[in-house]
């Protein structure tokens, strides 16, 4: 741009990415230490179209400490990514957080990490089947 005879000035103007929301889904609600958390994310722009660009994922433990950080690219479609939980972890409510960069809002979903036995899971499934008959 010319300003009254002065030389051309180039400037970078920062703004927020075109992301209205990032819908997050995990493959299950409860995890054991060491298991893999599979995540699907659907970033949607302000016009309702799918976002095209980088999405940063974080995994936070119950105290808010960042365990993992991962960046993936959305090419006008959903993103599939995963984290492996450490073997020795704090039990409780963990968060998967996603954002489209530094200036974007953060979107999250919660998972629970704890030890559980397969018997409890089988009993719950059996009870569900009995109730639906």
N, C-alpha and C. Protein backbone atom coordinates (compact mmCIF):
# COMPACT_ATOMS: atom_id res chain seq x y z
N UNK A 1 0.84 -1.15 0.00
CA UNK A 1 0.00 0.00 0.00
C UNK A 1 0.90 1.22 0.00
N UNK A 2 0.53 2.22 -0.76
CA UNK A 2 1.26 3.48 -0.77
C UNK A 2 0.55 4.46 0.15
N UNK A 3 1.35 5.07 1.01
CA UNK A 3 0.81 6.07 1.93
C UNK A 3 1.50 7.38 1.64
N UNK A 4 0.84 8.25 0.90
CA UNK A 4 1.35 9.59 0.58
C UNK A 4 2.81 9.58 0.17
N UNK A 5 3.13 8.75 -0.83
CA UNK A 5 4.47 8.77 -1.39
C UNK A 5 5.49 7.94 -0.64
N UNK A 6 5.13 7.30 0.46
CA UNK A 6 6.06 6.43 1.18
C UNK A 6 6.12 5.05 0.52
N UNK A 7 7.14 4.31 0.85
CA UNK A 7 7.31 3.00 0.22
C UNK A 7 6.19 2.03 0.63
N UNK A 8 6.09 0.96 -0.14
CA UNK A 8 5.07 -0.05 0.09
C UNK A 8 5.32 -0.77 1.42
N UNK A 9 4.25 -0.97 2.16
CA UNK A 9 4.34 -1.65 3.45
C UNK A 9 3.52 -2.93 3.37
N UNK A 10 4.13 -4.06 3.72
CA UNK A 10 3.41 -5.32 3.78
C UNK A 10 3.18 -5.67 5.24
N UNK A 11 1.97 -6.07 5.55
CA UNK A 11 1.66 -6.42 6.93
C UNK A 11 0.80 -7.67 6.94
N UNK A 12 1.01 -8.49 7.96
CA UNK A 12 0.19 -9.69 8.14
C UNK A 12 -0.85 -9.38 9.20
N UNK A 13 -2.11 -9.56 8.86
CA UNK A 13 -3.18 -9.30 9.80
C UNK A 13 -3.71 -10.65 10.28
N UNK A 14 -3.59 -10.89 11.58
CA UNK A 14 -4.02 -12.16 12.15
C UNK A 14 -5.51 -12.15 12.46
N UNK A 15 -6.12 -13.27 12.26
CA UNK A 15 -7.54 -13.42 12.57
C UNK A 15 -7.82 -14.84 12.99
N UNK A 16 -8.99 -15.07 13.50
CA UNK A 16 -9.37 -16.40 13.94
C UNK A 16 -9.74 -17.27 12.74
N UNK A 17 -9.47 -18.56 12.81
CA UNK A 17 -9.86 -19.45 11.71
C UNK A 17 -11.39 -19.53 11.60
N UNK A 18 -11.84 -19.94 10.45
CA UNK A 18 -13.27 -20.05 10.18
C UNK A 18 -13.82 -21.36 10.76
N UNK A 19 -13.88 -21.46 12.09
CA UNK A 19 -14.41 -22.66 12.75
C UNK A 19 -15.48 -22.25 13.76
N UNK A 20 -16.70 -22.74 13.53
CA UNK A 20 -17.78 -22.47 14.47
C UNK A 20 -17.79 -23.51 15.58
N UNK A 21 -17.53 -24.78 15.23
CA UNK A 21 -17.50 -25.84 16.23
C UNK A 21 -16.70 -27.03 15.71
N UNK A 22 -16.22 -27.82 16.66
CA UNK A 22 -15.55 -29.08 16.33
C UNK A 22 -16.27 -30.16 17.14
N UNK A 23 -16.98 -31.03 16.45
CA UNK A 23 -17.71 -32.11 17.11
C UNK A 23 -16.74 -33.27 17.35
N UNK A 24 -16.62 -33.69 18.60
CA UNK A 24 -15.68 -34.75 18.98
C UNK A 24 -16.42 -35.99 19.44
N UNK A 25 -15.98 -37.15 18.99
CA UNK A 25 -16.52 -38.44 19.41
C UNK A 25 -15.35 -39.38 19.69
N UNK A 26 -15.49 -40.16 20.77
CA UNK A 26 -14.51 -41.20 21.06
C UNK A 26 -15.17 -42.55 20.87
N UNK A 27 -14.36 -43.60 20.74
CA UNK A 27 -14.92 -44.93 20.47
C UNK A 27 -15.62 -45.53 21.68
N UNK A 28 -15.35 -45.03 22.89
CA UNK A 28 -16.04 -45.48 24.09
C UNK A 28 -15.88 -44.43 25.18
N UNK A 29 -16.59 -44.58 26.28
CA UNK A 29 -16.57 -43.58 27.35
C UNK A 29 -15.57 -43.91 28.46
N UNK A 30 -15.28 -45.21 28.66
CA UNK A 30 -14.37 -45.65 29.73
C UNK A 30 -13.15 -46.34 29.14
N UNK A 31 -11.98 -46.02 29.69
CA UNK A 31 -10.72 -46.59 29.22
C UNK A 31 -9.91 -47.09 30.40
N UNK A 32 -9.08 -48.07 30.13
CA UNK A 32 -8.10 -48.55 31.11
C UNK A 32 -6.75 -47.90 30.78
N UNK A 33 -5.86 -47.83 31.77
CA UNK A 33 -4.51 -47.35 31.49
C UNK A 33 -3.87 -48.18 30.37
N UNK A 34 -3.17 -47.52 29.46
CA UNK A 34 -2.48 -48.19 28.36
C UNK A 34 -3.34 -48.40 27.12
N UNK A 35 -4.65 -48.18 27.19
CA UNK A 35 -5.50 -48.38 26.02
C UNK A 35 -5.39 -47.22 25.04
N UNK A 36 -5.80 -47.48 23.80
CA UNK A 36 -5.79 -46.47 22.75
C UNK A 36 -7.16 -45.78 22.72
N UNK A 37 -7.14 -44.45 22.70
CA UNK A 37 -8.36 -43.64 22.59
C UNK A 37 -8.49 -43.22 21.13
N UNK A 38 -9.50 -43.77 20.44
CA UNK A 38 -9.75 -43.41 19.05
C UNK A 38 -10.71 -42.23 19.01
N UNK A 39 -10.36 -41.22 18.25
CA UNK A 39 -11.12 -39.96 18.20
C UNK A 39 -11.52 -39.66 16.77
N UNK A 40 -12.75 -39.20 16.61
CA UNK A 40 -13.20 -38.65 15.33
C UNK A 40 -13.64 -37.22 15.60
N UNK A 41 -13.22 -36.32 14.74
CA UNK A 41 -13.56 -34.91 14.89
C UNK A 41 -14.14 -34.39 13.59
N UNK A 42 -15.19 -33.59 13.72
CA UNK A 42 -15.82 -32.97 12.56
C UNK A 42 -15.80 -31.46 12.75
N UNK A 43 -14.83 -30.76 12.12
CA UNK A 43 -14.77 -29.30 12.25
C UNK A 43 -15.71 -28.62 11.26
N UNK A 44 -16.57 -27.75 11.78
CA UNK A 44 -17.58 -27.08 10.96
C UNK A 44 -17.31 -25.57 10.97
N UNK A 45 -17.34 -24.97 9.78
CA UNK A 45 -17.12 -23.54 9.64
C UNK A 45 -18.36 -22.73 9.96
N UNK A 46 -18.22 -21.41 9.96
CA UNK A 46 -19.31 -20.51 10.30
C UNK A 46 -20.48 -20.57 9.31
N UNK A 47 -20.20 -20.92 8.07
CA UNK A 47 -21.26 -21.01 7.08
C UNK A 47 -21.91 -22.39 7.06
N UNK A 48 -21.47 -23.30 7.94
CA UNK A 48 -22.00 -24.64 7.96
C UNK A 48 -21.25 -25.61 7.06
N UNK A 49 -20.21 -25.12 6.42
CA UNK A 49 -19.38 -25.99 5.57
C UNK A 49 -18.28 -26.62 6.41
N UNK A 50 -17.68 -27.68 5.90
CA UNK A 50 -16.60 -28.33 6.63
C UNK A 50 -15.32 -27.51 6.53
N UNK A 51 -14.63 -27.40 7.65
CA UNK A 51 -13.41 -26.60 7.76
C UNK A 51 -12.26 -27.30 7.04
N UNK A 52 -11.41 -26.53 6.41
CA UNK A 52 -10.22 -27.06 5.75
C UNK A 52 -9.01 -26.41 6.38
N UNK A 53 -8.23 -27.18 7.14
CA UNK A 53 -7.03 -26.64 7.77
C UNK A 53 -6.57 -27.51 8.92
N UNK A 54 -5.60 -27.00 9.67
CA UNK A 54 -5.03 -27.75 10.78
C UNK A 54 -5.93 -27.70 12.02
N UNK A 55 -6.01 -28.83 12.70
CA UNK A 55 -6.72 -28.94 13.97
C UNK A 55 -5.74 -29.54 14.98
N UNK A 56 -5.61 -28.88 16.12
CA UNK A 56 -4.70 -29.35 17.16
C UNK A 56 -5.51 -30.11 18.21
N UNK A 57 -5.02 -31.30 18.57
CA UNK A 57 -5.65 -32.13 19.58
C UNK A 57 -4.75 -32.22 20.80
N UNK A 58 -5.36 -32.19 21.97
CA UNK A 58 -4.64 -32.35 23.23
C UNK A 58 -5.37 -33.35 24.10
N UNK A 59 -4.61 -34.09 24.89
CA UNK A 59 -5.18 -34.99 25.88
C UNK A 59 -4.75 -34.49 27.24
N UNK A 60 -5.73 -34.15 28.09
CA UNK A 60 -5.46 -33.58 29.41
C UNK A 60 -5.87 -34.56 30.50
N UNK A 61 -5.01 -34.73 31.51
CA UNK A 61 -5.35 -35.62 32.63
C UNK A 61 -6.31 -34.89 33.59
N UNK A 62 -6.78 -35.55 34.66
CA UNK A 62 -7.76 -34.92 35.56
C UNK A 62 -7.30 -33.61 36.19
N UNK A 63 -6.00 -33.39 36.32
CA UNK A 63 -5.51 -32.14 36.90
C UNK A 63 -5.31 -31.05 35.84
N UNK A 64 -5.59 -31.37 34.56
CA UNK A 64 -5.43 -30.40 33.49
C UNK A 64 -4.05 -30.41 32.85
N UNK A 65 -3.19 -31.36 33.26
CA UNK A 65 -1.84 -31.47 32.70
C UNK A 65 -1.92 -32.08 31.31
N UNK A 66 -1.26 -31.45 30.34
CA UNK A 66 -1.29 -31.92 28.96
C UNK A 66 -0.38 -33.14 28.82
N UNK A 67 -0.96 -34.27 28.42
CA UNK A 67 -0.22 -35.52 28.25
C UNK A 67 0.28 -35.66 26.81
N UNK A 68 -0.58 -35.36 25.85
CA UNK A 68 -0.23 -35.46 24.44
C UNK A 68 -0.71 -34.24 23.69
N UNK A 69 -0.02 -33.97 22.59
CA UNK A 69 -0.38 -32.89 21.68
C UNK A 69 -0.19 -33.43 20.27
N UNK A 70 -1.17 -33.25 19.41
CA UNK A 70 -1.09 -33.79 18.05
C UNK A 70 -1.82 -32.86 17.10
N UNK A 71 -1.26 -32.64 15.92
CA UNK A 71 -1.91 -31.80 14.91
C UNK A 71 -2.26 -32.66 13.70
N UNK A 72 -3.47 -32.49 13.20
CA UNK A 72 -3.93 -33.20 12.01
C UNK A 72 -4.56 -32.18 11.07
N UNK A 73 -4.69 -32.54 9.80
CA UNK A 73 -5.25 -31.65 8.80
C UNK A 73 -6.62 -32.16 8.36
N UNK A 74 -7.58 -31.25 8.38
CA UNK A 74 -8.92 -31.55 7.89
C UNK A 74 -8.98 -31.09 6.45
N UNK A 75 -9.28 -32.01 5.56
CA UNK A 75 -9.39 -31.67 4.15
C UNK A 75 -10.87 -31.73 3.75
N UNK A 76 -11.65 -30.81 4.34
CA UNK A 76 -13.10 -30.75 4.10
C UNK A 76 -13.78 -32.08 4.44
N UNK A 77 -13.29 -32.75 5.50
CA UNK A 77 -13.90 -34.01 5.95
C UNK A 77 -13.57 -34.22 7.42
N UNK A 78 -14.09 -35.30 7.99
CA UNK A 78 -13.80 -35.56 9.39
C UNK A 78 -12.35 -36.01 9.56
N UNK A 79 -11.85 -35.89 10.77
CA UNK A 79 -10.48 -36.28 11.09
C UNK A 79 -10.54 -37.49 12.02
N UNK A 80 -9.76 -38.50 11.73
CA UNK A 80 -9.62 -39.65 12.62
C UNK A 80 -8.21 -39.63 13.18
N UNK A 81 -8.08 -39.66 14.50
CA UNK A 81 -6.78 -39.68 15.15
C UNK A 81 -6.88 -40.50 16.42
N UNK A 82 -5.76 -40.74 17.09
CA UNK A 82 -5.80 -41.53 18.32
C UNK A 82 -4.64 -41.15 19.23
N UNK A 83 -4.83 -41.45 20.52
CA UNK A 83 -3.81 -41.30 21.54
C UNK A 83 -3.73 -42.60 22.31
N UNK A 84 -2.54 -42.99 22.73
CA UNK A 84 -2.43 -44.13 23.63
C UNK A 84 -2.21 -43.60 25.04
N UNK A 85 -3.08 -44.05 25.96
CA UNK A 85 -2.94 -43.64 27.35
C UNK A 85 -1.68 -44.25 27.95
N UNK A 86 -1.00 -43.52 28.82
CA UNK A 86 0.16 -44.11 29.50
C UNK A 86 -0.29 -45.28 30.38
N UNK A 87 0.63 -46.17 30.69
CA UNK A 87 0.32 -47.33 31.51
C UNK A 87 0.02 -46.93 32.96
N UNK A 88 0.72 -45.93 33.45
CA UNK A 88 0.52 -45.47 34.83
C UNK A 88 -0.09 -44.07 34.78
N UNK A 89 -1.36 -43.98 35.13
CA UNK A 89 -2.10 -42.72 34.99
C UNK A 89 -2.92 -42.45 36.24
N UNK A 90 -3.39 -41.22 36.32
CA UNK A 90 -4.37 -40.86 37.35
C UNK A 90 -5.74 -41.28 36.85
N UNK A 91 -6.50 -41.91 37.72
CA UNK A 91 -7.86 -42.27 37.37
C UNK A 91 -8.75 -41.03 37.46
N UNK A 92 -9.81 -41.03 36.69
CA UNK A 92 -10.76 -39.93 36.77
C UNK A 92 -11.18 -39.44 35.40
N UNK A 93 -11.68 -38.21 35.37
CA UNK A 93 -12.19 -37.58 34.15
C UNK A 93 -11.06 -36.91 33.38
N UNK A 94 -10.81 -37.36 32.18
CA UNK A 94 -9.82 -36.79 31.28
C UNK A 94 -10.55 -36.01 30.19
N UNK A 95 -9.83 -35.11 29.51
CA UNK A 95 -10.42 -34.34 28.42
C UNK A 95 -9.63 -34.51 27.14
N UNK A 96 -10.37 -34.62 26.04
CA UNK A 96 -9.80 -34.52 24.71
C UNK A 96 -10.21 -33.13 24.23
N UNK A 97 -9.23 -32.30 23.88
CA UNK A 97 -9.49 -30.91 23.49
C UNK A 97 -9.03 -30.72 22.04
N UNK A 98 -9.84 -30.00 21.27
CA UNK A 98 -9.49 -29.71 19.88
C UNK A 98 -9.68 -28.22 19.61
N UNK A 99 -8.78 -27.66 18.81
CA UNK A 99 -8.90 -26.27 18.39
C UNK A 99 -8.27 -26.12 17.00
N UNK A 100 -8.66 -25.08 16.30
CA UNK A 100 -8.14 -24.83 14.96
C UNK A 100 -7.05 -23.76 15.01
N UNK A 101 -6.16 -23.88 15.96
CA UNK A 101 -5.06 -22.94 16.06
C UNK A 101 -5.14 -22.08 17.30
N UNK A 102 -4.15 -21.25 17.43
CA UNK A 102 -3.97 -20.42 18.63
C UNK A 102 -5.14 -19.49 18.91
N UNK A 103 -5.75 -18.95 17.86
CA UNK A 103 -6.80 -17.94 18.04
C UNK A 103 -8.21 -18.53 18.00
N UNK A 104 -8.30 -19.84 17.91
CA UNK A 104 -9.60 -20.50 17.82
C UNK A 104 -10.15 -20.84 19.21
N UNK A 105 -11.46 -20.96 19.29
CA UNK A 105 -12.08 -21.47 20.51
C UNK A 105 -11.68 -22.92 20.69
N UNK A 106 -11.74 -23.40 21.93
CA UNK A 106 -11.39 -24.79 22.22
C UNK A 106 -12.67 -25.59 22.45
N UNK A 107 -12.70 -26.80 21.90
CA UNK A 107 -13.84 -27.70 22.03
C UNK A 107 -13.35 -28.97 22.69
N UNK A 108 -14.18 -29.57 23.55
CA UNK A 108 -13.69 -30.74 24.28
C UNK A 108 -14.78 -31.78 24.51
N UNK A 109 -14.33 -32.98 24.82
CA UNK A 109 -15.19 -34.06 25.27
C UNK A 109 -14.46 -34.76 26.41
N UNK A 110 -15.22 -35.44 27.24
CA UNK A 110 -14.65 -36.06 28.43
C UNK A 110 -14.66 -37.58 28.31
N UNK A 111 -13.59 -38.21 28.81
CA UNK A 111 -13.53 -39.66 28.93
C UNK A 111 -13.17 -39.99 30.36
N UNK A 112 -13.46 -41.22 30.78
CA UNK A 112 -13.12 -41.67 32.13
C UNK A 112 -12.04 -42.74 32.02
N UNK A 113 -11.03 -42.62 32.87
CA UNK A 113 -9.96 -43.61 32.91
C UNK A 113 -10.01 -44.28 34.28
N UNK A 114 -10.15 -45.62 34.27
CA UNK A 114 -10.18 -46.38 35.51
C UNK A 114 -9.99 -47.85 35.19
N UNK A 115 -9.67 -48.62 36.20
CA UNK A 115 -9.61 -50.08 36.04
C UNK A 115 -11.01 -50.62 36.14
N UNK A 116 -11.36 -51.53 35.28
CA UNK A 116 -12.64 -52.21 35.38
C UNK A 116 -12.44 -53.62 34.85
N UNK A 117 -13.30 -54.52 35.25
CA UNK A 117 -13.17 -55.90 34.81
C UNK A 117 -14.14 -56.17 33.68
N UNK A 118 -13.82 -57.17 32.88
CA UNK A 118 -14.70 -57.56 31.77
C UNK A 118 -16.02 -58.10 32.30
N UNK A 119 -16.03 -58.66 33.52
CA UNK A 119 -17.27 -59.21 34.09
C UNK A 119 -18.31 -58.11 34.26
N UNK A 120 -17.89 -56.95 34.73
CA UNK A 120 -18.82 -55.84 34.91
C UNK A 120 -19.40 -55.43 33.56
N UNK A 121 -18.56 -55.37 32.57
CA UNK A 121 -19.01 -54.99 31.24
C UNK A 121 -20.00 -56.02 30.68
N UNK A 122 -19.70 -57.32 30.86
CA UNK A 122 -20.57 -58.38 30.37
C UNK A 122 -21.90 -58.36 31.10
N UNK A 123 -21.87 -58.16 32.42
CA UNK A 123 -23.11 -58.10 33.20
C UNK A 123 -23.98 -56.94 32.74
N UNK A 124 -23.37 -55.80 32.49
CA UNK A 124 -24.12 -54.63 32.04
C UNK A 124 -24.76 -54.90 30.68
N UNK A 125 -24.03 -55.54 29.77
CA UNK A 125 -24.55 -55.86 28.45
C UNK A 125 -25.69 -56.86 28.58
N UNK A 126 -25.53 -57.87 29.45
CA UNK A 126 -26.57 -58.87 29.66
C UNK A 126 -27.84 -58.24 30.21
N UNK A 127 -27.70 -57.33 31.18
CA UNK A 127 -28.86 -56.65 31.75
C UNK A 127 -29.57 -55.82 30.68
N UNK A 128 -28.81 -55.17 29.82
CA UNK A 128 -29.40 -54.36 28.77
C UNK A 128 -30.22 -55.24 27.84
N UNK A 129 -29.69 -56.40 27.48
CA UNK A 129 -30.40 -57.31 26.60
C UNK A 129 -31.69 -57.80 27.26
N UNK A 130 -31.63 -58.09 28.55
CA UNK A 130 -32.82 -58.56 29.24
C UNK A 130 -33.91 -57.48 29.26
N UNK A 131 -33.49 -56.23 29.41
CA UNK A 131 -34.45 -55.14 29.47
C UNK A 131 -35.10 -54.86 28.12
N UNK A 132 -34.43 -55.19 27.05
CA UNK A 132 -34.95 -54.86 25.72
C UNK A 132 -35.83 -55.97 25.15
N UNK A 133 -35.91 -57.11 25.81
CA UNK A 133 -36.75 -58.22 25.29
C UNK A 133 -38.22 -57.94 25.45
